Protein backbone atom coordinates (compact mmCIF):
# COMPACT_ATOMS: atom_id res chain seq x y z
CA UNK A 1 3.12 30.21 -56.71
CA UNK A 2 5.39 27.23 -56.92
CA UNK A 3 7.85 25.80 -54.82
CA UNK A 4 10.09 27.73 -55.20
CA UNK A 5 9.07 30.45 -53.68
CA UNK A 6 8.65 29.40 -50.59
CA UNK A 7 4.65 29.26 -49.95
CA UNK A 8 4.56 24.84 -49.92
CA UNK A 9 5.20 22.92 -46.95
CA UNK A 10 8.23 21.06 -47.57
CA UNK A 11 8.15 17.87 -47.08
CA UNK A 12 9.89 16.90 -43.26
CA UNK A 13 8.85 12.62 -43.19
CA UNK A 14 11.85 10.80 -42.51
CA UNK A 15 14.14 12.97 -41.11
CA UNK A 16 15.79 13.66 -37.25
CA UNK A 17 14.64 17.16 -35.46
CA UNK A 18 16.84 16.82 -32.02
CA UNK A 19 15.46 12.93 -30.93
CA UNK A 20 12.63 13.37 -32.72
CA UNK A 21 11.72 11.76 -36.24
CA UNK A 22 8.90 13.15 -38.30
CA UNK A 23 6.78 9.66 -39.64
CA UNK A 24 3.59 12.15 -41.34
CA UNK A 25 2.16 15.09 -42.29
CA UNK A 26 -0.94 16.66 -39.72
CA UNK A 27 -3.44 18.82 -40.49
CA UNK A 28 -2.55 22.36 -40.52
CA UNK A 29 -2.98 24.53 -37.26
CA UNK A 30 -3.28 28.32 -37.55
CA UNK A 31 -2.09 28.87 -41.22
CA UNK A 32 1.11 26.45 -40.17
CA UNK A 33 2.11 23.43 -41.71
CA UNK A 34 2.01 20.05 -38.75
CA UNK A 35 3.97 16.95 -38.66
CA UNK A 36 3.42 14.47 -36.84
CA UNK A 37 6.68 12.23 -35.40
CA UNK A 38 7.69 9.85 -32.87
CA UNK A 39 10.22 10.09 -30.47
CA UNK A 40 13.25 8.18 -29.13
CA UNK A 41 11.39 7.46 -25.43
CA UNK A 42 8.51 6.27 -27.76
CA UNK A 43 5.82 8.53 -27.62
CA UNK A 44 4.47 10.73 -30.26
CA UNK A 45 3.91 14.13 -31.06
CA UNK A 46 2.73 16.82 -33.10
CA UNK A 47 5.17 19.34 -33.58
CA UNK A 48 4.77 22.53 -36.54
CA UNK A 49 6.88 22.24 -38.93
CA UNK A 50 8.75 25.81 -38.75
CA UNK A 51 9.75 25.31 -34.58
CA UNK A 52 11.38 22.05 -36.21
CA UNK A 53 13.20 23.14 -38.74
CA UNK A 54 14.09 26.77 -36.23
CA UNK A 55 15.64 23.63 -33.82
CA UNK A 56 13.07 24.87 -30.87
CA UNK A 57 11.33 21.43 -30.32
CA UNK A 58 13.71 18.81 -29.59
CA UNK A 59 11.64 15.91 -28.03
CA UNK A 60 8.49 15.35 -27.23
CA UNK A 61 8.68 17.04 -23.25
CA UNK A 62 10.91 13.93 -22.54
CA UNK A 63 14.35 15.89 -22.31
CA UNK A 64 12.56 18.88 -20.39
CA UNK A 65 11.45 16.56 -17.73
CA UNK A 66 14.69 14.76 -17.86
CA UNK A 67 17.01 18.15 -17.77
CA UNK A 68 14.60 19.34 -15.15
CA UNK A 69 15.29 16.20 -13.19
CA UNK A 70 18.72 16.33 -13.30
CA UNK A 71 18.88 20.01 -11.69
CA UNK A 72 16.76 19.43 -9.15
CA UNK A 73 18.78 16.59 -7.71
CA UNK A 74 22.31 18.74 -8.16
CA UNK A 75 20.05 21.38 -6.04
CA UNK A 76 18.92 18.43 -3.46
CA UNK A 77 22.99 17.54 -3.32
CA UNK A 78 23.68 21.03 -2.78
CA UNK A 79 21.30 21.60 0.27
CA UNK A 80 21.78 18.70 1.82
CA UNK A 81 26.00 19.55 2.18
CA UNK A 82 25.12 22.51 3.76
CA UNK A 83 26.75 26.18 3.37
CA UNK A 84 30.29 26.04 3.45
CA UNK A 85 31.48 26.62 7.21
CA UNK A 86 32.74 29.49 8.38
CA UNK A 87 35.18 29.82 11.50
CA UNK A 88 35.36 32.73 13.44
CA UNK A 89 33.62 36.05 12.73
CA UNK A 90 33.79 36.19 9.46
CA UNK A 91 35.38 40.08 7.92
CA UNK A 92 37.22 40.92 11.31
CA UNK A 93 40.10 40.26 12.79
CA UNK A 94 40.88 37.72 14.81
CA UNK A 95 42.40 39.97 18.19
CA UNK A 96 41.04 43.64 17.39
CA UNK A 97 42.35 45.25 20.47
CA UNK A 98 46.12 44.04 19.26
CA UNK A 99 45.34 45.68 16.23
CA UNK A 100 43.87 48.23 17.68
CA UNK A 101 46.86 49.36 19.71
CA UNK A 102 49.20 48.74 16.84
CA UNK A 103 47.58 51.57 15.38
CA UNK A 104 47.90 53.88 18.08
CA UNK A 105 51.63 53.38 18.93
CA UNK A 106 51.67 54.39 15.09
CA UNK A 107 49.73 57.40 15.16
CA UNK A 108 51.19 58.32 18.22
CA UNK A 109 49.33 57.96 21.30
CA UNK A 110 51.39 56.18 24.08
CA UNK A 111 50.11 52.85 24.57
CA UNK A 112 47.20 52.85 26.76
CA UNK A 113 45.53 55.93 26.61
CA UNK A 114 44.98 57.10 23.36
CA UNK A 115 43.49 60.99 25.00
CA UNK A 116 46.85 62.17 26.45
């Protein structure tokens, strides 16, 4: 079969995928083409060509670490701020007795005595 049918790996050397720049071909692993890449952070990594071209891999792992660190910073800032303050008892009117008296009068009970 020829390269037109997709049986040969494409040459990815020099192409950029996220923070990774492909520098050389590496040995195949599990029948998949592997590529040696240089990350913008300076480290090198070997990644599958399939994962690179699909966009599943964007860095050597430094991007994940940066995002996780940013998420934890936001989480800790929210915890330091604490929950929003609630004034009074939530879900209950401030003056229940006045409301109950108004309802009793509205339904025909005389003031003060509901059994009459």
